C-alpha atoms as a PDB file:
ATOM      1  CA  MET A   1     133.747  81.824  98.759  1.00  0.00           C
ATOM      2  CA  ALA A   2     131.490  79.010  99.983  1.00  0.00           C
ATOM      3  CA  ARG A   3     130.152  81.282 102.726  1.00  0.00           C
ATOM      4  CA  GLY A   4     129.072  83.916 100.169  1.00  0.00           C
ATOM      5  CA  ALA A   5     127.309  81.270  98.105  1.00  0.00           C
ATOM      6  CA  ALA A   6     125.476  80.032 101.225  1.00  0.00           C
ATOM      7  CA  VAL A   7     124.263  83.557 101.991  1.00  0.00           C
ATOM      8  CA  VAL A   8     122.931  83.939  98.442  1.00  0.00           C
ATOM      9  CA  VAL A   9     121.165  80.552  98.606  1.00  0.00           C
ATOM     10  CA  VAL A  10     119.608  81.319 102.006  1.00  0.00           C
ATOM     11  CA  GLY A  11     118.555  84.816 100.898  1.00  0.00           C
ATOM     12  CA  THR A  12     116.980  83.428  97.728  1.00  0.00           C
ATOM     13  CA  ALA A  13     115.163  80.722  99.692  1.00  0.00           C
ATOM     14  CA  LEU A  14     113.766  83.284 102.143  1.00  0.00           C
ATOM     15  CA  ALA A  15     112.622  85.555  99.332  1.00  0.00           C
ATOM     16  CA  ALA A  16     110.755  82.627  97.793  1.00  0.00           C
ATOM     17  CA  CYS A  17     108.855  82.139 101.077  1.00  0.00           C
ATOM     18  CA  VAL A  18     107.442  85.669 101.102  1.00  0.00           C
ATOM     19  CA  PRO A  19     104.176  85.660  99.163  1.00  0.00           C
ATOM     20  CA  ALA A  20     103.799  88.325  96.530  1.00  0.00           C
ATOM     21  CA  ARG A  21     101.116  90.917  97.127  1.00  0.00           C
ATOM     22  CA  PRO A  22      98.197  90.442  94.742  1.00  0.00           C
ATOM     23  CA  ALA A  23      97.917  92.983  91.932  1.00  0.00           C
ATOM     24  CA  SER A  24      95.868  96.129  92.497  1.00  0.00           C
ATOM     25  CA  THR A  25      93.661  95.141  89.557  1.00  0.00           C
ATOM     26  CA  SER A  26      92.709  91.977  91.412  1.00  0.00           C
ATOM     27  CA  ALA A  27      91.441  94.164  94.292  1.00  0.00           C
ATOM     28  CA  VAL A  28      88.987  95.707  91.825  1.00  0.00           C
ATOM     29  CA  ASP A  29      88.094  92.209  90.578  1.00  0.00           C
ATOM     30  CA  VAL A  30      87.283  91.105  94.148  1.00  0.00           C
ATOM     31  CA  ALA A  31      85.088  94.181  94.704  1.00  0.00           C
ATOM     32  CA  VAL A  32      83.220  93.565  91.449  1.00  0.00           C
ATOM     33  CA  ALA A  33      82.822  89.842  92.227  1.00  0.00           C
ATOM     34  CA  PHE A  34      81.411  90.783  95.642  1.00  0.00           C
ATOM     35  CA  TYR A  35      78.724  92.952  94.050  1.00  0.00           C
ATOM     36  CA  ASP A  36      78.005  90.305  91.423  1.00  0.00           C
ATOM     37  CA  ALA A  37      77.347  87.820  94.242  1.00  0.00           C
ATOM     38  CA  VAL A  38      75.109  90.307  96.069  1.00  0.00           C
ATOM     39  CA  ASP A  39      73.192  90.993  92.825  1.00  0.00           C
ATOM     40  CA  ARG A  40      72.647  87.229  92.377  1.00  0.00           C
ATOM     41  CA  ALA A  41      71.523  86.988  96.028  1.00  0.00           C
ATOM     42  CA  ASP A  42      74.399  84.535  96.622  1.00  0.00           C
ATOM     43  CA  GLY A  43      75.277  85.458 100.182  1.00  0.00           C
ATOM     44  CA  GLY A  44      77.706  82.552 100.520  1.00  0.00           C
ATOM     45  CA  ALA A  45      79.798  83.701  97.561  1.00  0.00           C
ATOM     46  CA  ALA A  46      79.721  87.297  98.825  1.00  0.00           C
ATOM     47  CA  CYS A  47      80.900  86.208 102.293  1.00  0.00           C
ATOM     48  CA  ASP A  48      83.744  84.176 100.781  1.00  0.00           C
ATOM     49  CA  LEU A  49      85.209  87.499  99.613  1.00  0.00           C
ATOM     50  CA  LEU A  50      85.095  89.127 103.054  1.00  0.00           C
ATOM     51  CA  ALA A  51      87.932  89.227 105.568  1.00  0.00           C
ATOM     52  CA  PRO A  52      87.305  86.985 108.592  1.00  0.00           C
ATOM     53  CA  VAL A  53      87.043  90.005 110.919  1.00  0.00           C
ATOM     54  CA  THR A  54      84.314  91.446 108.680  1.00  0.00           C
ATOM     55  CA  VAL A  55      82.357  88.182 108.642  1.00  0.00           C
ATOM     56  CA  GLU A  56      82.590  87.979 112.422  1.00  0.00           C
ATOM     57  CA  SER A  57      81.490  91.586 112.910  1.00  0.00           C
ATOM     58  CA  LEU A  58      78.564  91.204 110.500  1.00  0.00           C
ATOM     59  CA  GLU A  59      77.353  87.995 112.144  1.00  0.00           C
ATOM     60  CA  ASP A  60      77.660  89.500 115.635  1.00  0.00           C
ATOM     61  CA  ASP A  61      75.781  92.680 114.646  1.00  0.00           C
ATOM     62  CA  ALA A  62      73.016  90.910 112.705  1.00  0.00           C
ATOM     63  CA  ASP A  63      72.743  87.824 114.922  1.00  0.00           C
ATOM     64  CA  GLU A  64      72.510  85.623 111.825  1.00  0.00           C
ATOM     65  CA  SER A  65      74.877  83.881 109.437  1.00  0.00           C
ATOM     66  CA  CYS A  66      76.990  86.003 107.109  1.00  0.00           C
ATOM     67  CA  SER A  67      75.285  84.573 104.019  1.00  0.00           C
ATOM     68  CA  GLU A  68      71.923  85.812 105.313  1.00  0.00           C
ATOM     69  CA  ALA A  69      73.107  89.051 106.943  1.00  0.00           C
ATOM     70  CA  VAL A  70      74.936  90.324 103.852  1.00  0.00           C
ATOM     71  CA  LEU A  71      71.640  90.257 101.938  1.00  0.00           C
ATOM     72  CA  ASP A  72      69.250  91.347 104.742  1.00  0.00           C
ATOM     73  CA  GLY A  73      68.527  94.464 106.769  1.00  0.00           C
ATOM     74  CA  GLU A  74      70.414  97.722 106.394  1.00  0.00           C
ATOM     75  CA  VAL A  75      73.495  95.984 104.997  1.00  0.00           C
ATOM     76  CA  GLY A  76      71.508  94.163 102.312  1.00  0.00           C
ATOM     77  CA  GLU A  77      69.476  97.246 101.394  1.00  0.00           C
ATOM     78  CA  THR A  78      72.585  99.392 101.040  1.00  0.00           C
ATOM     79  CA  LEU A  79      74.595  96.831  99.097  1.00  0.00           C
ATOM     80  CA  THR A  80      71.811  95.852  96.688  1.00  0.00           C
ATOM     81  CA  ALA A  81      71.230  99.535  95.881  1.00  0.00           C
ATOM     82  CA  ARG A  82      74.808  99.838  94.617  1.00  0.00           C
ATOM     83  CA  THR A  83      75.918  98.401  91.311  1.00  0.00           C
ATOM     84  CA  GLY A  84      79.575  97.474  91.751  1.00  0.00           C
ATOM     85  CA  ASP A  85      80.397  98.934  88.320  1.00  0.00           C
ATOM     86  CA  ALA A  86      83.442  97.128  86.893  1.00  0.00           C
ATOM     87  CA  SER A  87      85.167 100.378  85.885  1.00  0.00           C
ATOM     88  CA  GLY A  88      86.706 100.889  89.314  1.00  0.00           C
ATOM     89  CA  SER A  89      90.200 101.792  90.396  1.00  0.00           C
ATOM     90  CA  ALA A  90      92.376 100.714  93.299  1.00  0.00           C
ATOM     91  CA  THR A  91      94.933 102.510  95.424  1.00  0.00           C
ATOM     92  CA  VAL A  92      97.279 100.138  97.223  1.00  0.00           C
ATOM     93  CA  ALA A  93      99.382 100.922 100.286  1.00  0.00           C
ATOM     94  CA  GLY A  94     101.287  97.918 101.593  1.00  0.00           C
ATOM     95  CA  ARG A  95      98.787  95.165 102.397  1.00  0.00           C
ATOM     96  CA  GLN A  96      95.742  97.464 102.197  1.00  0.00           C
ATOM     97  CA  ALA A  97      93.733  98.699  99.225  1.00  0.00           C
ATOM     98  CA  GLN A  98      90.967 101.183  98.623  1.00  0.00           C
ATOM     99  CA  VAL A  99      88.736 100.371  95.653  1.00  0.00           C
ATOM    100  CA  VAL A 100      86.589 103.130  94.221  1.00  0.00           C
ATOM    101  CA  LEU A 101      83.665 101.996  92.072  1.00  0.00           C
ATOM    102  CA  ALA A 102      81.078 104.218  90.388  1.00  0.00           C
ATOM    103  CA  ASP A 103      78.823 104.180  93.442  1.00  0.00           C
ATOM    104  CA  ASP A 104      80.821 102.660  96.285  1.00  0.00           C
ATOM    105  CA  VAL A 105      84.136 102.662  98.080  1.00  0.00           C
ATOM    106  CA  LEU A 106      85.502  99.427  99.536  1.00  0.00           C
ATOM    107  CA  PHE A 107      88.550  98.722 101.682  1.00  0.00           C
ATOM    108  CA  LEU A 108      90.475  95.470 101.292  1.00  0.00           C
ATOM    109  CA  THR A 109      93.375  93.689 102.924  1.00  0.00           C
ATOM    110  CA  VAL A 110      95.716  90.953 101.766  1.00  0.00           C
ATOM    111  CA  SER A 111      94.807  87.544 103.155  1.00  0.00           C
ATOM    112  CA  GLY A 112      97.144  84.810 102.004  1.00  0.00           C
ATOM    113  CA  THR A 113      97.587  85.412  98.287  1.00  0.00           C
ATOM    114  CA  THR A 114      94.364  87.298  97.618  1.00  0.00           C
ATOM    115  CA  TRP A 115      92.463  90.413  98.574  1.00  0.00           C
ATOM    116  CA  ARG A 116      89.611  90.218 101.103  1.00  0.00           C
ATOM    117  CA  ILE A 117      87.048  92.947 101.766  1.00  0.00           C
ATOM    118  CA  VAL A 118      87.296  94.636 105.152  1.00  0.00           C
ATOM    119  CA  ALA A 119      84.627  97.296 104.529  1.00  0.00           C
ATOM    120  CA  ALA A 120      81.982  98.015 101.870  1.00  0.00           C
ATOM    121  CA  GLY A 121      79.104 100.381 101.360  1.00  0.00           C
ATOM    122  CA  CYS A 122      81.360 103.266 102.394  1.00  0.00           C
ATOM    123  CA  ASP A 123      80.509 106.933 102.033  1.00  0.00           C
ATOM    124  CA  PRO A 124      83.052 109.728 102.484  1.00  0.00           C
ATOM    125  CA  ARG A 125      82.571 112.270 105.272  1.00  0.00           C
ATOM    126  CA  PRO A 126      84.475 115.562 105.265  1.00  0.00           C
ATOM    127  CA  ASP A 127      87.358 115.564 107.745  1.00  0.00           C
ATOM    128  CA  ARG A 128      86.227 112.228 109.208  1.00  0.00           C
ATOM    129  CA  PRO A 129      86.692 108.530 108.415  1.00  0.00           C
ATOM    130  CA  TYR A 130      84.426 106.892 105.859  1.00  0.00           C
ATOM    131  CA  ASP A 131      81.014 105.717 107.084  1.00  0.00           C
ATOM    132  CA  CYS A 132      80.674 102.069 106.045  1.00  0.00           C
ATOM    133  CA  VAL A 133      77.554  99.943 106.342  1.00  0.00           C
ATOM    134  CA  LEU A 134      79.665  96.755 106.347  1.00  0.00           C
ATOM    135  CA  GLU A 135      82.981  96.740 108.178  1.00  0.00           C
ATOM    136  CA  GLY A 136      85.200  94.588 110.340  1.00  0.00           C
ATOM    137  CA  ALA A 137      85.782  95.653 113.926  1.00  0.00           C
END
């Protein structure tokens, strides 16, 4: 009997250690917050919502800090032309999400207890992967 109780206690303790995946609605919230930051020209706040691999890729490609690169050049032009309309939807598969806004598609991943943007400024291409202006390697 004591052995069964120990298994239940250990199983419960392990389950408590596994972080819950953030809600799909919070993926949309992150996408909208990203575009709000871009609209305010707050590159630092926009970069805080990106996955580390995306920040690294952006900085390597642009040869400048993320907070500058996300607002400059092709990335900045593409992102500032899109609105990040709050009426988006998210499709979640495991630790990945696709957020569809009125004029953009973003891809996110779970990082810790929140969603982080892996790719933004994405356009669909028939029978091929999305073409994204901002994406992690």
